[in-house]
């Protein structure tokens, strides 16, 4: 529709603007006797003047044609911008509104059929997914792995570009979790107590089973902790001897006061 309207507008403008070009020409020409042309020396004298007159006539006609073409292009551009764009926009909106009305009327008249069609499409989609999983059993797993990797990379990039946002998000999550825990305890005190008791019982049972299966693990862990504590104490004494002596003296005074207040025998101090 746009092309036909543009073509029609160009034809009308050409027909309207080309009339002044031929206004000075008498058509059809009157009948007259054709004179005989006799070449002589005087005819060559008028050759330059006739060429000048012909050149002026051609230039005048060319300027008129150029003006007509320029005016046609300008008017057609303005016509396209001002009229056809609005017309196309109106037609597009009208078509969408019409399709929307058709869908609404179809939904009102044939709701059950539309639902059945949607159900059939969903069943076909489920069958297609099942057949795809049979043919490609690792496709879903690879897709999940790819999505997890992509999410992890995006998370790392966001943390590198905006480190303060990661801190704010972690603080916000902890605040939300704490508020949710407090609200849960307030609304369900009995359930919260039962949950804590069950958690402690499970931890106690798990600790007992772990000790039965790994009897030497607890002892080895205690030994490692004592060894690490002794090594840390030794390095601390070597790096900060004055501070170590001050803290040691402070702890001894506190323990002595504690024993004297409870009438206990002073403990033996190891150096």
C-alpha atoms as a PDB file:
ATOM      1  CA  UNK A   1       0.000   0.000   0.000  1.00  0.00           C
ATOM      2  CA  UNK A   2       2.852   2.328   0.773  1.00  0.00           C
ATOM      3  CA  UNK A   3       4.547   1.785  -2.611  1.00  0.00           C
ATOM      4  CA  UNK A   4       1.342   2.263  -4.574  1.00  0.00           C
ATOM      5  CA  UNK A   5       0.522   5.467  -2.689  1.00  0.00           C
ATOM      6  CA  UNK A   6       4.000   6.836  -3.322  1.00  0.00           C
ATOM      7  CA  UNK A   7       3.803   5.961  -7.033  1.00  0.00           C
ATOM      8  CA  UNK A   8       0.391   7.610  -7.375  1.00  0.00           C
ATOM      9  CA  UNK A   9       1.594  10.743  -5.587  1.00  0.00           C
ATOM     10  CA  UNK A  10       4.666  11.001  -7.834  1.00  0.00           C
ATOM     11  CA  UNK A  11       2.541  10.630 -10.997  1.00  0.00           C
ATOM     12  CA  UNK A  12       0.116  13.321  -9.861  1.00  0.00           C
ATOM     13  CA  UNK A  13       2.910  15.707  -8.952  1.00  0.00           C
ATOM     14  CA  UNK A  14       4.637  15.149 -12.296  1.00  0.00           C
ATOM     15  CA  UNK A  15       1.404  15.776 -14.177  1.00  0.00           C
ATOM     16  CA  UNK A  16       0.702  18.891 -12.124  1.00  0.00           C
ATOM     17  CA  UNK A  17       4.205  20.370 -12.308  1.00  0.00           C
ATOM     18  CA  UNK A  18       4.928  19.555 -15.952  1.00  0.00           C
ATOM     19  CA  UNK A  19       2.086  21.731 -17.273  1.00  0.00           C
ATOM     20  CA  UNK A  20       4.047  25.044 -17.048  1.00  0.00           C
ATOM     21  CA  UNK A  21       6.869  23.565 -19.151  1.00  0.00           C
ATOM     22  CA  UNK A  22       4.631  23.348 -22.202  1.00  0.00           C
ATOM     23  CA  UNK A  23       2.479  26.421 -21.601  1.00  0.00           C
ATOM     24  CA  UNK A  24       4.397  28.560 -24.123  1.00  0.00           C
ATOM     25  CA  UNK A  25       4.283  25.946 -26.886  1.00  0.00           C
ATOM     26  CA  UNK A  26       1.411  26.155 -29.374  1.00  0.00           C
ATOM     27  CA  UNK A  27       0.121  22.700 -30.043  1.00  0.00           C
ATOM     28  CA  UNK A  28      -0.825  21.594 -32.597  1.00  0.00           C
ATOM     29  CA  UNK A  29       1.273  23.957 -34.728  1.00  0.00           C
ATOM     30  CA  UNK A  30      -0.464  25.988 -37.529  1.00  0.00           C
ATOM     31  CA  UNK A  31      -0.161  24.933 -41.138  1.00  0.00           C
ATOM     32  CA  UNK A  32       2.373  26.821 -43.174  1.00  0.00           C
ATOM     33  CA  UNK A  33       4.456  26.323 -46.306  1.00  0.00           C
ATOM     34  CA  UNK A  34       7.860  24.890 -45.630  1.00  0.00           C
ATOM     35  CA  UNK A  35      10.430  27.306 -47.092  1.00  0.00           C
ATOM     36  CA  UNK A  36      13.363  26.021 -49.001  1.00  0.00           C
ATOM     37  CA  UNK A  37      16.664  26.296 -47.258  1.00  0.00           C
ATOM     38  CA  UNK A  38      19.421  27.718 -49.393  1.00  0.00           C
ATOM     39  CA  UNK A  39      22.901  27.659 -47.929  1.00  0.00           C
ATOM     40  CA  UNK A  40      24.959  30.713 -48.536  1.00  0.00           C
ATOM     41  CA  UNK A  41      27.736  32.651 -46.861  1.00  0.00           C
ATOM     42  CA  UNK A  42      25.281  34.699 -44.846  1.00  0.00           C
ATOM     43  CA  UNK A  43      23.719  31.542 -43.350  1.00  0.00           C
ATOM     44  CA  UNK A  44      26.972  30.672 -41.583  1.00  0.00           C
ATOM     45  CA  UNK A  45      27.016  34.074 -39.914  1.00  0.00           C
ATOM     46  CA  UNK A  46      23.849  33.253 -38.042  1.00  0.00           C
ATOM     47  CA  UNK A  47      25.137  29.835 -36.944  1.00  0.00           C
ATOM     48  CA  UNK A  48      26.753  31.089 -33.735  1.00  0.00           C
ATOM     49  CA  UNK A  49      23.674  33.098 -32.815  1.00  0.00           C
ATOM     50  CA  UNK A  50      21.393  30.118 -33.438  1.00  0.00           C
ATOM     51  CA  UNK A  51      23.636  27.898 -31.293  1.00  0.00           C
ATOM     52  CA  UNK A  52      23.475  30.433 -28.469  1.00  0.00           C
ATOM     53  CA  UNK A  53      19.712  30.602 -28.727  1.00  0.00           C
ATOM     54  CA  UNK A  54      19.461  26.778 -28.736  1.00  0.00           C
ATOM     55  CA  UNK A  55      21.788  26.491 -25.735  1.00  0.00           C
ATOM     56  CA  UNK A  56      19.725  29.049 -23.805  1.00  0.00           C
ATOM     57  CA  UNK A  57      16.523  27.220 -24.646  1.00  0.00           C
ATOM     58  CA  UNK A  58      17.984  23.877 -23.566  1.00  0.00           C
ATOM     59  CA  UNK A  59      19.356  25.322 -20.331  1.00  0.00           C
ATOM     60  CA  UNK A  60      16.019  26.964 -19.561  1.00  0.00           C
ATOM     61  CA  UNK A  61      14.174  23.692 -20.174  1.00  0.00           C
ATOM     62  CA  UNK A  62      16.730  21.756 -18.086  1.00  0.00           C
ATOM     63  CA  UNK A  63      16.369  24.173 -15.202  1.00  0.00           C
ATOM     64  CA  UNK A  64      12.609  23.807 -15.361  1.00  0.00           C
ATOM     65  CA  UNK A  65      12.855  20.014 -15.364  1.00  0.00           C
ATOM     66  CA  UNK A  66      15.361  20.095 -12.470  1.00  0.00           C
ATOM     67  CA  UNK A  67      13.025  22.365 -10.514  1.00  0.00           C
ATOM     68  CA  UNK A  68      10.125  20.026 -11.167  1.00  0.00           C
ATOM     69  CA  UNK A  69      12.132  16.961 -10.086  1.00  0.00           C
ATOM     70  CA  UNK A  70      13.407  18.707  -6.963  1.00  0.00           C
ATOM     71  CA  UNK A  71       9.918  19.880  -6.024  1.00  0.00           C
ATOM     72  CA  UNK A  72       8.519  16.392  -6.609  1.00  0.00           C
ATOM     73  CA  UNK A  73      11.202  14.804  -4.413  1.00  0.00           C
ATOM     74  CA  UNK A  74      10.713  17.400  -1.703  1.00  0.00           C
ATOM     75  CA  UNK A  75       6.950  17.169  -1.742  1.00  0.00           C
ATOM     76  CA  UNK A  76       7.023  13.355  -1.825  1.00  0.00           C
ATOM     77  CA  UNK A  77       9.428  13.275   1.150  1.00  0.00           C
ATOM     78  CA  UNK A  78       7.220  15.619   3.131  1.00  0.00           C
ATOM     79  CA  UNK A  79       4.186  13.605   2.091  1.00  0.00           C
ATOM     80  CA  UNK A  80       5.823  10.373   3.258  1.00  0.00           C
ATOM     81  CA  UNK A  81       6.881  11.840   6.560  1.00  0.00           C
ATOM     82  CA  UNK A  82       3.679  13.659   7.421  1.00  0.00           C
ATOM     83  CA  UNK A  83       1.000  11.408   6.008  1.00  0.00           C
ATOM     84  CA  UNK A  84       2.151   7.895   5.184  1.00  0.00           C
ATOM     85  CA  UNK A  85       3.955   7.281   8.484  1.00  0.00           C
ATOM     86  CA  UNK A  86       0.858   8.213  10.439  1.00  0.00           C
ATOM     87  CA  UNK A  87      -1.283   6.193   8.050  1.00  0.00           C
ATOM     88  CA  UNK A  88       0.908   3.091   8.417  1.00  0.00           C
ATOM     89  CA  UNK A  89       0.971   3.504  12.188  1.00  0.00           C
ATOM     90  CA  UNK A  90      -2.790   3.795  12.272  1.00  0.00           C
ATOM     91  CA  UNK A  91      -3.215   0.742  10.036  1.00  0.00           C
ATOM     92  CA  UNK A  92      -0.822  -1.348  12.143  1.00  0.00           C
ATOM     93  CA  UNK A  93      -2.571  -0.383  15.369  1.00  0.00           C
ATOM     94  CA  UNK A  94      -5.946  -1.030  13.790  1.00  0.00           C
ATOM     95  CA  UNK A  95      -4.849  -4.507  12.648  1.00  0.00           C
ATOM     96  CA  UNK A  96      -3.603  -5.400  16.119  1.00  0.00           C
ATOM     97  CA  UNK A  97      -6.783  -4.118  17.706  1.00  0.00           C
ATOM     98  CA  UNK A  98      -8.819  -6.121  15.212  1.00  0.00           C
ATOM     99  CA  UNK A  99      -6.826  -9.311  15.921  1.00  0.00           C
ATOM    100  CA  UNK A 100      -7.260  -8.701  19.629  1.00  0.00           C
ATOM    101  CA  UNK A 101     -11.009  -8.360  19.198  1.00  0.00           C
ATOM    102  CA  UNK A 102     -11.066 -11.540  17.105  1.00  0.00           C
ATOM    103  CA  UNK A 103      -9.176 -13.435  19.811  1.00  0.00           C
ATOM    104  CA  UNK A 104     -11.492 -12.120  22.518  1.00  0.00           C
ATOM    105  CA  UNK A 105     -14.597 -13.112  20.558  1.00  0.00           C
ATOM    106  CA  UNK A 106     -13.122 -16.511  19.710  1.00  0.00           C
ATOM    107  CA  UNK A 107     -12.242 -17.061  23.359  1.00  0.00           C
ATOM    108  CA  UNK A 108     -15.763 -16.138  24.391  1.00  0.00           C
ATOM    109  CA  UNK A 109     -17.407 -18.484  21.892  1.00  0.00           C
ATOM    110  CA  UNK A 110     -14.963 -21.406  21.840  1.00  0.00           C
ATOM    111  CA  UNK A 111     -13.278 -21.433  25.240  1.00  0.00           C
ATOM    112  CA  UNK A 112     -13.439 -25.217  25.645  1.00  0.00           C
ATOM    113  CA  UNK A 113     -11.933 -25.823  22.224  1.00  0.00           C
ATOM    114  CA  UNK A 114      -9.098 -23.403  22.925  1.00  0.00           C
ATOM    115  CA  UNK A 115      -8.382 -25.143  26.239  1.00  0.00           C
ATOM    116  CA  UNK A 116      -8.360 -28.532  24.543  1.00  0.00           C
ATOM    117  CA  UNK A 117      -5.976 -27.236  21.895  1.00  0.00           C
ATOM    118  CA  UNK A 118      -3.646 -25.875  24.560  1.00  0.00           C
ATOM    119  CA  UNK A 119      -3.767 -29.179  26.445  1.00  0.00           C
ATOM    120  CA  UNK A 120      -2.977 -31.068  23.249  1.00  0.00           C
ATOM    121  CA  UNK A 121      -0.041 -28.740  22.559  1.00  0.00           C
ATOM    122  CA  UNK A 122       1.277 -29.267  26.092  1.00  0.00           C
ATOM    123  CA  UNK A 123       0.957 -33.036  25.723  1.00  0.00           C
ATOM    124  CA  UNK A 124       2.837 -32.898  22.436  1.00  0.00           C
ATOM    125  CA  UNK A 125       5.505 -30.770  24.095  1.00  0.00           C
ATOM    126  CA  UNK A 126       5.864 -33.247  26.962  1.00  0.00           C
ATOM    127  CA  UNK A 127       6.139 -36.160  24.543  1.00  0.00           C
ATOM    128  CA  UNK A 128       8.741 -34.266  22.544  1.00  0.00           C
ATOM    129  CA  UNK A 129      10.727 -33.541  25.717  1.00  0.00           C
ATOM    130  CA  UNK A 130      10.532 -37.183  26.797  1.00  0.00           C
ATOM    131  CA  UNK A 131      11.697 -38.402  23.395  1.00  0.00           C
ATOM    132  CA  UNK A 132      14.475 -35.806  23.377  1.00  0.00           C
ATOM    133  CA  UNK A 133      15.638 -37.004  26.808  1.00  0.00           C
ATOM    134  CA  UNK A 134      15.650 -40.595  25.581  1.00  0.00           C
ATOM    135  CA  UNK A 135      17.759 -39.677  22.571  1.00  0.00           C
ATOM    136  CA  UNK A 136      19.990 -37.270  24.507  1.00  0.00           C
ATOM    137  CA  UNK A 137      20.178 -38.447  28.137  1.00  0.00           C
ATOM    138  CA  UNK A 138      22.952 -36.018  29.070  1.00  0.00           C
ATOM    139  CA  UNK A 139      21.404 -32.918  27.499  1.00  0.00           C
ATOM    140  CA  UNK A 140      19.565 -31.768  30.641  1.00  0.00           C
ATOM    141  CA  UNK A 141      22.601 -32.426  32.815  1.00  0.00           C
ATOM    142  CA  UNK A 142      24.880 -30.496  30.482  1.00  0.00           C
ATOM    143  CA  UNK A 143      22.380 -27.649  30.332  1.00  0.00           C
ATOM    144  CA  UNK A 144      22.155 -27.483  34.138  1.00  0.00           C
ATOM    145  CA  UNK A 145      25.938 -27.555  34.445  1.00  0.00           C
ATOM    146  CA  UNK A 146      26.243 -24.816  31.834  1.00  0.00           C
ATOM    147  CA  UNK A 147      23.676 -22.660  33.611  1.00  0.00           C
ATOM    148  CA  UNK A 148      25.448 -23.149  36.960  1.00  0.00           C
ATOM    149  CA  UNK A 149      28.806 -22.271  35.410  1.00  0.00           C
ATOM    150  CA  UNK A 150      27.335 -19.232  33.694  1.00  0.00           C
ATOM    151  CA  UNK A 151      25.694 -18.088  36.923  1.00  0.00           C
ATOM    152  CA  UNK A 152      28.949 -18.586  38.821  1.00  0.00           C
ATOM    153  CA  UNK A 153      30.937 -16.614  36.236  1.00  0.00           C
ATOM    154  CA  UNK A 154      28.365 -13.819  36.298  1.00  0.00           C
ATOM    155  CA  UNK A 155      28.480 -13.765  40.099  1.00  0.00           C
ATOM    156  CA  UNK A 156      32.277 -13.571  40.086  1.00  0.00           C
ATOM    157  CA  UNK A 157      32.253 -10.794  37.485  1.00  0.00           C
ATOM    158  CA  UNK A 158      29.722  -8.789  39.505  1.00  0.00           C
ATOM    159  CA  UNK A 159      31.797  -9.213  42.652  1.00  0.00           C
ATOM    160  CA  UNK A 160      34.934  -8.069  40.871  1.00  0.00           C
ATOM    161  CA  UNK A 161      33.268  -5.044  39.304  1.00  0.00           C
ATOM    162  CA  UNK A 162      31.083  -4.138  42.288  1.00  0.00           C
ATOM    163  CA  UNK A 163      32.612  -5.551  45.510  1.00  0.00           C
ATOM    164  CA  UNK A 164      30.441  -3.354  47.700  1.00  0.00           C
ATOM    165  CA  UNK A 165      27.315  -4.897  46.175  1.00  0.00           C
ATOM    166  CA  UNK A 166      28.394  -8.386  47.264  1.00  0.00           C
ATOM    167  CA  UNK A 167      28.893  -7.142  50.824  1.00  0.00           C
ATOM    168  CA  UNK A 168      25.518  -5.446  50.829  1.00  0.00           C
ATOM    169  CA  UNK A 169      23.804  -8.566  49.484  1.00  0.00           C
ATOM    170  CA  UNK A 170      25.445 -10.840  52.064  1.00  0.00           C
ATOM    171  CA  UNK A 171      24.510  -8.440  54.869  1.00  0.00           C
ATOM    172  CA  UNK A 172      20.958  -8.189  53.556  1.00  0.00           C
ATOM    173  CA  UNK A 173      20.612 -11.977  53.343  1.00  0.00           C
ATOM    174  CA  UNK A 174      21.860 -12.422  56.887  1.00  0.00           C
ATOM    175  CA  UNK A 175      19.478  -9.731  58.100  1.00  0.00           C
ATOM    176  CA  UNK A 176      16.567 -11.382  56.311  1.00  0.00           C
ATOM    177  CA  UNK A 177      17.527 -14.809  57.677  1.00  0.00           C
ATOM    178  CA  UNK A 178      17.828 -13.430  61.211  1.00  0.00           C
ATOM    179  CA  UNK A 179      14.493 -11.616  60.948  1.00  0.00           C
ATOM    180  CA  UNK A 180      12.848 -14.746  59.538  1.00  0.00           C
ATOM    181  CA  UNK A 181      14.276 -16.844  62.391  1.00  0.00           C
ATOM    182  CA  UNK A 182      13.031 -14.392  65.009  1.00  0.00           C
ATOM    183  CA  UNK A 183       9.587 -14.218  63.405  1.00  0.00           C
ATOM    184  CA  UNK A 184       9.409 -18.015  63.163  1.00  0.00           C
ATOM    185  CA  UNK A 185      10.295 -18.396  66.849  1.00  0.00           C
ATOM    186  CA  UNK A 186       7.682 -15.782  67.775  1.00  0.00           C
ATOM    187  CA  UNK A 187       4.917 -17.437  65.770  1.00  0.00           C
ATOM    188  CA  UNK A 188       5.846 -21.061  66.500  1.00  0.00           C
ATOM    189  CA  UNK A 189       7.605 -21.320  69.868  1.00  0.00           C
ATOM    190  CA  UNK A 190       6.746 -24.988  70.377  1.00  0.00           C
ATOM    191  CA  UNK A 191       7.846 -25.972  66.889  1.00  0.00           C
ATOM    192  CA  UNK A 192      11.079 -24.001  67.281  1.00  0.00           C
ATOM    193  CA  UNK A 193      11.868 -25.750  70.569  1.00  0.00           C
ATOM    194  CA  UNK A 194      11.100 -29.149  69.059  1.00  0.00           C
ATOM    195  CA  UNK A 195      13.314 -28.329  66.091  1.00  0.00           C
ATOM    196  CA  UNK A 196      16.230 -27.406  68.347  1.00  0.00           C
ATOM    197  CA  UNK A 197      15.773 -30.529  70.459  1.00  0.00           C
ATOM    198  CA  UNK A 198      15.613 -32.702  67.351  1.00  0.00           C
ATOM    199  CA  UNK A 199      18.709 -31.026  65.943  1.00  0.00           C
ATOM    200  CA  UNK A 200      20.663 -31.598  69.173  1.00  0.00           C
ATOM    201  CA  UNK A 201      19.522 -35.213  69.324  1.00  0.00           C
ATOM    202  CA  UNK A 202      20.561 -35.775  65.730  1.00  0.00           C
ATOM    203  CA  UNK A 203      23.930 -34.175  66.387  1.00  0.00           C
ATOM    204  CA  UNK A 204      24.427 -36.330  69.482  1.00  0.00           C
ATOM    205  CA  UNK A 205      23.524 -39.521  67.604  1.00  0.00           C
ATOM    206  CA  UNK A 206      25.712 -38.530  64.672  1.00  0.00           C
ATOM    207  CA  UNK A 207      28.628 -37.799  67.024  1.00  0.00           C
ATOM    208  CA  UNK A 208      28.215 -41.202  68.694  1.00  0.00           C
ATOM    209  CA  UNK A 209      28.080 -43.043  65.370  1.00  0.00           C
ATOM    210  CA  UNK A 210      31.092 -41.117  64.112  1.00  0.00           C
ATOM    211  CA  UNK A 211      33.091 -42.018  67.216  1.00  0.00           C
ATOM    212  CA  UNK A 212      32.120 -45.677  66.870  1.00  0.00           C
ATOM    213  CA  UNK A 213      33.186 -45.776  63.246  1.00  0.00           C
ATOM    214  CA  UNK A 214      36.316 -43.653  63.803  1.00  0.00           C
ATOM    215  CA  UNK A 215      37.509 -44.287  67.368  1.00  0.00           C
ATOM    216  CA  UNK A 216      40.922 -42.701  66.880  1.00  0.00           C
ATOM    217  CA  UNK A 217      39.746 -39.588  65.079  1.00  0.00           C
ATOM    218  CA  UNK A 218      38.781 -37.636  68.221  1.00  0.00           C
ATOM    219  CA  UNK A 219      42.058 -38.442  69.948  1.00  0.00           C
ATOM    220  CA  UNK A 220      44.105 -37.530  66.894  1.00  0.00           C
ATOM    221  CA  UNK A 221      42.154 -34.309  66.496  1.00  0.00           C
ATOM    222  CA  UNK A 222      42.746 -33.362  70.124  1.00  0.00           C
ATOM    223  CA  UNK A 223      46.446 -34.142  69.727  1.00  0.00           C
ATOM    224  CA  UNK A 224      46.638 -32.017  66.592  1.00  0.00           C
ATOM    225  CA  UNK A 225      44.841 -29.158  68.314  1.00  0.00           C
ATOM    226  CA  UNK A 226      47.214 -29.338  71.287  1.00  0.00           C
ATOM    227  CA  UNK A 227      50.212 -29.446  68.966  1.00  0.00           C
ATOM    228  CA  UNK A 228      48.971 -26.451  66.971  1.00  0.00           C
ATOM    229  CA  UNK A 229      48.242 -24.567  70.183  1.00  0.00           C
ATOM    230  CA  UNK A 230      51.757 -25.261  71.501  1.00  0.00           C
ATOM    231  CA  UNK A 231      53.327 -24.210  68.201  1.00  0.00           C
ATOM    232  CA  UNK A 232      51.258 -21.026  68.100  1.00  0.00           C
ATOM    233  CA  UNK A 233      52.144 -20.270  71.714  1.00  0.00           C
ATOM    234  CA  UNK A 234      55.817 -20.833  70.968  1.00  0.00           C
ATOM    235  CA  UNK A 235      55.815 -18.594  67.910  1.00  0.00           C
ATOM    236  CA  UNK A 236      53.870 -15.922  69.787  1.00  0.00           C
ATOM    237  CA  UNK A 237      56.424 -16.038  72.601  1.00  0.00           C
ATOM    238  CA  UNK A 238      59.286 -15.673  70.128  1.00  0.00           C
ATOM    239  CA  UNK A 239      57.706 -12.819  68.188  1.00  0.00           C
ATOM    240  CA  UNK A 240      56.210 -10.872  71.118  1.00  0.00           C
ATOM    241  CA  UNK A 241      58.082 -11.803  74.317  1.00  0.00           C
ATOM    242  CA  UNK A 242      57.048  -8.735  76.332  1.00  0.00           C
ATOM    243  CA  UNK A 243      53.387  -9.030  75.423  1.00  0.00           C
ATOM    244  CA  UNK A 244      53.481 -12.761  76.175  1.00  0.00           C
ATOM    245  CA  UNK A 245      54.928 -12.159  79.658  1.00  0.00           C
ATOM    246  CA  UNK A 246      52.358  -9.462  80.393  1.00  0.00           C
ATOM    247  CA  UNK A 247      49.443 -11.666  79.365  1.00  0.00           C
ATOM    248  CA  UNK A 248      50.903 -14.592  81.281  1.00  0.00           C
ATOM    249  CA  UNK A 249      51.244 -12.502  84.434  1.00  0.00           C
ATOM    250  CA  UNK A 250      47.711 -11.158  84.011  1.00  0.00           C
ATOM    251  CA  UNK A 251      46.268 -14.685  83.673  1.00  0.00           C
ATOM    252  CA  UNK A 252      48.195 -15.844  86.760  1.00  0.00           C
ATOM    253  CA  UNK A 253      46.896 -12.942  88.833  1.00  0.00           C
ATOM    254  CA  UNK A 254      43.333 -13.612  87.716  1.00  0.00           C
ATOM    255  CA  UNK A 255      43.598 -17.318  88.510  1.00  0.00           C
ATOM    256  CA  UNK A 256      45.166 -16.578  91.922  1.00  0.00           C
ATOM    257  CA  UNK A 257      42.358 -14.173  92.791  1.00  0.00           C
ATOM    258  CA  UNK A 258      39.815 -16.733  91.647  1.00  0.00           C
ATOM    259  CA  UNK A 259      41.379 -19.462  93.834  1.00  0.00           C
ATOM    260  CA  UNK A 260      41.629 -17.166  96.854  1.00  0.00           C
ATOM    261  CA  UNK A 261      38.025 -16.086  96.497  1.00  0.00           C
ATOM    262  CA  UNK A 262      36.893 -19.742  96.551  1.00  0.00           C
ATOM    263  CA  UNK A 263      39.425 -20.831  99.193  1.00  0.00           C
ATOM    264  CA  UNK A 264      41.218 -23.186  96.868  1.00  0.00           C
ATOM    265  CA  UNK A 265      44.817 -24.230  96.838  1.00  0.00           C
ATOM    266  CA  UNK A 266      46.871 -22.216  94.342  1.00  0.00           C
ATOM    267  CA  UNK A 267      47.523 -24.011  91.109  1.00  0.00           C
ATOM    268  CA  UNK A 268      50.987 -24.973  89.987  1.00  0.00           C
ATOM    269  CA  UNK A 269      52.257 -22.790  87.181  1.00  0.00           C
ATOM    270  CA  UNK A 270      54.376 -24.188  84.401  1.00  0.00           C
ATOM    271  CA  UNK A 271      56.996 -22.152  82.675  1.00  0.00           C
END
